[in-house]
């Protein structure tokens, strides 16, 4: 990991933070101040201030609306939730970790914009954690075994675009512990009161039951929270 200078609570070098702050203050004083000076000369000091304040906050509301809702500012397919820098990733880590592997084929070129959106949704929902998932040695997933509608979450085929393919090593759910191997999913442990058939019934993908598959050892309490019994 590369150490970086930081100033106060921000991971920004103090020199850069000071320069940026001074530029912002000077820009505000010069541009807003010059307009306020002209308005004060025409309308008076109090009325000039009110007119400048209304104009400034109106301009901020317009920009915020464009960033949040799009309003076709970039054509009919304008995405929403752009923000000043945009919501989509602008860079991608190709290889990371203490023992980086060769770059995966899917990362040979920057993906198309459509690959970074949840199907059917206008608001991007992927974020930038795919480089963290793909660059480390082990990735463990902890989740509920089924959706809030009771349908399986562990499927034969992913329904969302893949951003960090084949990176998960183990899955922890409220029903089972499952290892992800090149040969498929291996059921290692089941929750108390369940068996392999019950877990398979709630899993779309096929599960191979390990020879030493056993019941989970669930503590009665963890950090003051009652878990079982």
Foldseek 3Di string as FASTA:
>chain_A
DDDAADDDPGRDHPVVVVVVVVVVVVVCCVPLVVQLVVLCVVPNNVVSVVVSVVVVVVVVVVVVCCAAPVPCPVHPLGAGNQPPPGQDDPDADQEDEPDTDHGDPVVPDDDDPVLQAFPPDRHGDRHHCLRVQQHYDEDEAEEAQADPVLAGPAAPDDNHRDSRPPRHAWYHHQFFIWGQDPVGIETAEGEPPDDPVVSVVRHHGDYHYDPNYYYDDDDQDDPRRGDHD
